[in-house]
Amino acid sequence: MPRRSGLNADRLRDLARRGAEQALRQLRAEIVAIERTFPELKLPKHRRELRRSLGNARARTRNISAEARKAISERMTKYWAERRKAQSKVK
C-alpha cells in the first residue's frame, strides 16, 4: 500500500511559494552585492523607473467577475442569434 505524505495541492503550492520567495530574496541580495562590487553594472535610474512603472501597469489589469462574464455571454448569445436570424431573412 503506498504511503501518503500528507501533502495536498494547497500545502504543496504554499511550500513552493515559500521556496520561491526565499530564492528571490537570495537573488536580490546577490544583485545588491554585485552592484556594490561593480557599480558600472548597476541599471541607470531611468531604466529602474521604467521597469517599476511597467510592473505597476501590469498590476492594474482588470479582473472580470463570473457574474459579469455571464451577463456578457448572454448579451452576445442574443446578439449573434439576432444576426443569424437577420442573415437567414436576407438569403
N, C-alpha and C. Protein backbone atom coordinates (compact mmCIF):
# COMPACT_ATOMS: atom_id res chain seq x y z
N MET A 1 0.86 -1.18 0.00
CA MET A 1 0.00 0.00 0.00
C MET A 1 0.91 1.24 0.00
N PRO A 2 0.67 2.21 -0.91
CA PRO A 2 1.52 3.40 -0.97
C PRO A 2 1.38 4.26 0.27
N ARG A 3 2.47 4.86 0.65
CA ARG A 3 2.48 5.70 1.84
C ARG A 3 2.14 7.13 1.44
N ARG A 4 1.26 7.77 2.15
CA ARG A 4 0.84 9.14 1.85
C ARG A 4 1.68 10.11 2.65
N SER A 5 2.12 11.17 2.02
CA SER A 5 2.98 12.13 2.69
C SER A 5 2.19 13.21 3.42
N GLY A 6 0.90 13.31 3.19
CA GLY A 6 0.08 14.32 3.85
C GLY A 6 0.14 15.66 3.15
N LEU A 7 0.69 15.73 1.94
CA LEU A 7 0.75 16.97 1.19
C LEU A 7 -0.39 17.02 0.19
N ASN A 8 -1.28 17.96 0.40
CA ASN A 8 -2.32 18.16 -0.61
C ASN A 8 -1.85 19.27 -1.54
N ALA A 9 -2.63 19.58 -2.54
CA ALA A 9 -2.23 20.56 -3.56
C ALA A 9 -2.00 21.94 -2.95
N ASP A 10 -2.86 22.35 -2.02
CA ASP A 10 -2.71 23.67 -1.41
C ASP A 10 -1.44 23.76 -0.58
N ARG A 11 -1.17 22.74 0.18
CA ARG A 11 0.04 22.72 1.02
C ARG A 11 1.29 22.71 0.15
N LEU A 12 1.26 21.94 -0.91
CA LEU A 12 2.40 21.87 -1.82
C LEU A 12 2.63 23.22 -2.49
N ARG A 13 1.54 23.88 -2.92
CA ARG A 13 1.64 25.20 -3.54
C ARG A 13 2.20 26.21 -2.55
N ASP A 14 1.77 26.13 -1.29
CA ASP A 14 2.27 27.05 -0.25
C ASP A 14 3.77 26.85 -0.03
N LEU A 15 4.19 25.61 0.04
CA LEU A 15 5.61 25.32 0.21
C LEU A 15 6.43 25.79 -0.99
N ALA A 16 5.89 25.61 -2.19
CA ALA A 16 6.58 26.06 -3.40
C ALA A 16 6.70 27.58 -3.40
N ARG A 17 5.63 28.28 -3.00
CA ARG A 17 5.67 29.74 -2.94
C ARG A 17 6.71 30.23 -1.94
N ARG A 18 6.75 29.58 -0.78
CA ARG A 18 7.75 29.96 0.23
C ARG A 18 9.17 29.74 -0.29
N GLY A 19 9.38 28.63 -0.96
CA GLY A 19 10.70 28.37 -1.54
C GLY A 19 11.06 29.39 -2.60
N ALA A 20 10.09 29.76 -3.43
CA ALA A 20 10.34 30.76 -4.47
C ALA A 20 10.64 32.12 -3.85
N GLU A 21 9.91 32.47 -2.79
CA GLU A 21 10.18 33.75 -2.10
C GLU A 21 11.59 33.77 -1.53
N GLN A 22 12.01 32.68 -0.94
CA GLN A 22 13.35 32.58 -0.37
C GLN A 22 14.41 32.71 -1.47
N ALA A 23 14.20 32.02 -2.59
CA ALA A 23 15.14 32.10 -3.71
C ALA A 23 15.20 33.51 -4.26
N LEU A 24 14.06 34.18 -4.34
CA LEU A 24 14.02 35.56 -4.84
C LEU A 24 14.77 36.50 -3.91
N ARG A 25 14.57 36.34 -2.61
CA ARG A 25 15.32 37.17 -1.64
C ARG A 25 16.82 36.96 -1.80
N GLN A 26 17.22 35.72 -1.97
CA GLN A 26 18.64 35.40 -2.12
C GLN A 26 19.20 36.01 -3.41
N LEU A 27 18.45 35.92 -4.50
CA LEU A 27 18.89 36.51 -5.76
C LEU A 27 19.01 38.02 -5.67
N ARG A 28 18.04 38.65 -5.01
CA ARG A 28 18.10 40.11 -4.85
C ARG A 28 19.31 40.52 -4.02
N ALA A 29 19.63 39.74 -2.98
CA ALA A 29 20.81 40.03 -2.17
C ALA A 29 22.08 39.89 -3.01
N GLU A 30 22.12 38.89 -3.88
CA GLU A 30 23.28 38.72 -4.76
C GLU A 30 23.41 39.88 -5.74
N ILE A 31 22.28 40.36 -6.26
CA ILE A 31 22.31 41.50 -7.18
C ILE A 31 22.87 42.73 -6.48
N VAL A 32 22.43 42.98 -5.26
CA VAL A 32 22.93 44.13 -4.49
C VAL A 32 24.44 43.99 -4.28
N ALA A 33 24.89 42.79 -3.92
CA ALA A 33 26.32 42.57 -3.69
C ALA A 33 27.12 42.81 -4.98
N ILE A 34 26.61 42.34 -6.10
CA ILE A 34 27.31 42.53 -7.38
C ILE A 34 27.33 44.02 -7.75
N GLU A 35 26.20 44.71 -7.56
CA GLU A 35 26.16 46.13 -7.89
C GLU A 35 27.09 46.95 -7.01
N ARG A 36 27.26 46.54 -5.77
CA ARG A 36 28.20 47.24 -4.88
C ARG A 36 29.64 46.98 -5.32
N THR A 37 29.92 45.77 -5.75
CA THR A 37 31.26 45.41 -6.18
C THR A 37 31.59 46.04 -7.54
N PHE A 38 30.62 46.03 -8.45
CA PHE A 38 30.81 46.57 -9.80
C PHE A 38 29.73 47.62 -10.07
N PRO A 39 29.92 48.85 -9.59
CA PRO A 39 28.89 49.89 -9.75
C PRO A 39 28.55 50.19 -11.21
N GLU A 40 29.48 49.95 -12.12
CA GLU A 40 29.20 50.23 -13.53
C GLU A 40 28.14 49.30 -14.11
N LEU A 41 27.86 48.19 -13.44
CA LEU A 41 26.83 47.26 -13.91
C LEU A 41 25.42 47.64 -13.44
N LYS A 42 25.35 48.59 -12.53
CA LYS A 42 24.07 48.99 -11.98
C LYS A 42 23.20 49.63 -13.06
N LEU A 43 21.91 49.32 -13.04
CA LEU A 43 20.99 49.89 -14.03
C LEU A 43 20.88 51.40 -13.83
N PRO A 44 20.83 52.17 -14.91
CA PRO A 44 20.61 53.61 -14.78
C PRO A 44 19.27 53.88 -14.10
N LYS A 45 19.16 55.04 -13.46
CA LYS A 45 17.97 55.36 -12.69
C LYS A 45 16.71 55.33 -13.56
N HIS A 46 16.78 55.89 -14.78
CA HIS A 46 15.58 55.93 -15.62
C HIS A 46 15.14 54.53 -16.04
N ARG A 47 16.08 53.59 -16.18
CA ARG A 47 15.71 52.22 -16.52
C ARG A 47 14.97 51.56 -15.36
N ARG A 48 15.43 51.82 -14.13
CA ARG A 48 14.74 51.27 -12.97
C ARG A 48 13.32 51.82 -12.86
N GLU A 49 13.18 53.14 -13.10
CA GLU A 49 11.86 53.76 -13.03
C GLU A 49 10.93 53.19 -14.10
N LEU A 50 11.47 52.95 -15.30
CA LEU A 50 10.68 52.38 -16.37
C LEU A 50 10.22 50.97 -16.00
N ARG A 51 11.13 50.18 -15.46
CA ARG A 51 10.79 48.81 -15.07
C ARG A 51 9.71 48.82 -13.98
N ARG A 52 9.83 49.75 -13.03
CA ARG A 52 8.86 49.84 -11.94
C ARG A 52 7.49 50.26 -12.48
N SER A 53 7.47 51.23 -13.40
CA SER A 53 6.19 51.69 -13.94
C SER A 53 5.52 50.59 -14.76
N LEU A 54 6.32 49.80 -15.50
CA LEU A 54 5.75 48.69 -16.25
C LEU A 54 5.15 47.65 -15.31
N GLY A 55 5.82 47.41 -14.20
CA GLY A 55 5.29 46.47 -13.21
C GLY A 55 3.97 46.95 -12.64
N ASN A 56 3.87 48.25 -12.40
CA ASN A 56 2.61 48.81 -11.89
C ASN A 56 1.52 48.74 -12.94
N ALA A 57 1.87 48.96 -14.20
CA ALA A 57 0.88 48.91 -15.27
C ALA A 57 0.31 47.50 -15.39
N ARG A 58 1.16 46.49 -15.28
CA ARG A 58 0.68 45.11 -15.35
C ARG A 58 -0.20 44.77 -14.15
N ALA A 59 0.10 45.36 -13.01
CA ALA A 59 -0.65 45.05 -11.80
C ALA A 59 -2.06 45.64 -11.84
N ARG A 60 -2.29 46.62 -12.73
CA ARG A 60 -3.59 47.28 -12.77
C ARG A 60 -4.58 46.63 -13.72
N THR A 61 -4.28 45.46 -14.23
CA THR A 61 -5.21 44.83 -15.15
C THR A 61 -6.51 44.52 -14.43
N ARG A 62 -7.58 44.63 -15.16
CA ARG A 62 -8.90 44.43 -14.55
C ARG A 62 -9.30 42.96 -14.59
N ASN A 63 -9.91 42.53 -13.54
CA ASN A 63 -10.45 41.18 -13.48
C ASN A 63 -11.96 41.28 -13.55
N ILE A 64 -12.55 40.44 -14.34
CA ILE A 64 -13.99 40.47 -14.51
C ILE A 64 -14.60 39.35 -13.66
N SER A 65 -15.70 39.69 -13.00
CA SER A 65 -16.34 38.71 -12.14
C SER A 65 -17.08 37.68 -12.98
N ALA A 66 -17.37 36.56 -12.37
CA ALA A 66 -18.10 35.49 -13.05
C ALA A 66 -19.50 35.98 -13.45
N GLU A 67 -20.10 36.79 -12.59
CA GLU A 67 -21.44 37.32 -12.87
C GLU A 67 -21.41 38.24 -14.10
N ALA A 68 -20.41 39.10 -14.19
CA ALA A 68 -20.28 39.99 -15.34
C ALA A 68 -19.98 39.21 -16.61
N ARG A 69 -19.14 38.20 -16.49
CA ARG A 69 -18.81 37.35 -17.64
C ARG A 69 -20.06 36.65 -18.16
N LYS A 70 -20.92 36.19 -17.24
CA LYS A 70 -22.15 35.52 -17.64
C LYS A 70 -23.09 36.49 -18.33
N ALA A 71 -23.20 37.72 -17.82
CA ALA A 71 -24.05 38.73 -18.44
C ALA A 71 -23.58 39.06 -19.85
N ILE A 72 -22.28 39.18 -20.04
CA ILE A 72 -21.72 39.44 -21.37
C ILE A 72 -22.03 38.28 -22.29
N SER A 73 -21.88 37.07 -21.79
CA SER A 73 -22.15 35.88 -22.59
C SER A 73 -23.60 35.85 -23.06
N GLU A 74 -24.51 36.17 -22.16
CA GLU A 74 -25.93 36.18 -22.52
C GLU A 74 -26.23 37.25 -23.56
N ARG A 75 -25.65 38.45 -23.40
CA ARG A 75 -25.85 39.52 -24.38
C ARG A 75 -25.31 39.12 -25.74
N MET A 76 -24.14 38.52 -25.77
CA MET A 76 -23.53 38.14 -27.05
C MET A 76 -24.31 36.99 -27.70
N THR A 77 -24.82 36.07 -26.90
CA THR A 77 -25.63 34.97 -27.44
C THR A 77 -26.87 35.54 -28.12
N LYS A 78 -27.50 36.50 -27.46
CA LYS A 78 -28.68 37.15 -28.03
C LYS A 78 -28.30 37.92 -29.30
N TYR A 79 -27.20 38.63 -29.26
CA TYR A 79 -26.72 39.42 -30.41
C TYR A 79 -26.49 38.52 -31.62
N TRP A 80 -25.79 37.40 -31.43
CA TRP A 80 -25.48 36.51 -32.56
C TRP A 80 -26.73 35.79 -33.05
N ALA A 81 -27.65 35.50 -32.17
CA ALA A 81 -28.91 34.87 -32.60
C ALA A 81 -29.67 35.84 -33.50
N GLU A 82 -29.71 37.11 -33.13
CA GLU A 82 -30.40 38.11 -33.95
C GLU A 82 -29.70 38.28 -35.30
N ARG A 83 -28.38 38.23 -35.31
CA ARG A 83 -27.64 38.35 -36.58
C ARG A 83 -27.91 37.16 -37.49
N ARG A 84 -27.93 35.96 -36.91
CA ARG A 84 -28.23 34.78 -37.72
C ARG A 84 -29.66 34.86 -38.28
N LYS A 85 -30.58 35.35 -37.46
CA LYS A 85 -31.97 35.48 -37.89
C LYS A 85 -32.06 36.48 -39.04
N ALA A 86 -31.37 37.60 -38.92
CA ALA A 86 -31.37 38.62 -39.98
C ALA A 86 -30.73 38.08 -41.24
N GLN A 87 -29.66 37.32 -41.13
CA GLN A 87 -28.96 36.74 -42.28
C GLN A 87 -29.86 35.74 -43.00
N SER A 88 -30.63 34.98 -42.25
CA SER A 88 -31.49 33.98 -42.88
C SER A 88 -32.63 34.64 -43.66
N LYS A 89 -33.08 35.82 -43.24
CA LYS A 89 -34.12 36.55 -43.94
C LYS A 89 -33.58 37.13 -45.25
N VAL A 90 -32.31 37.51 -45.27
CA VAL A 90 -31.70 38.11 -46.45
C VAL A 90 -31.53 37.07 -47.54
N LYS A 91 -31.22 35.85 -47.24
CA LYS A 91 -30.96 34.79 -48.24
C LYS A 91 -32.17 34.35 -48.93
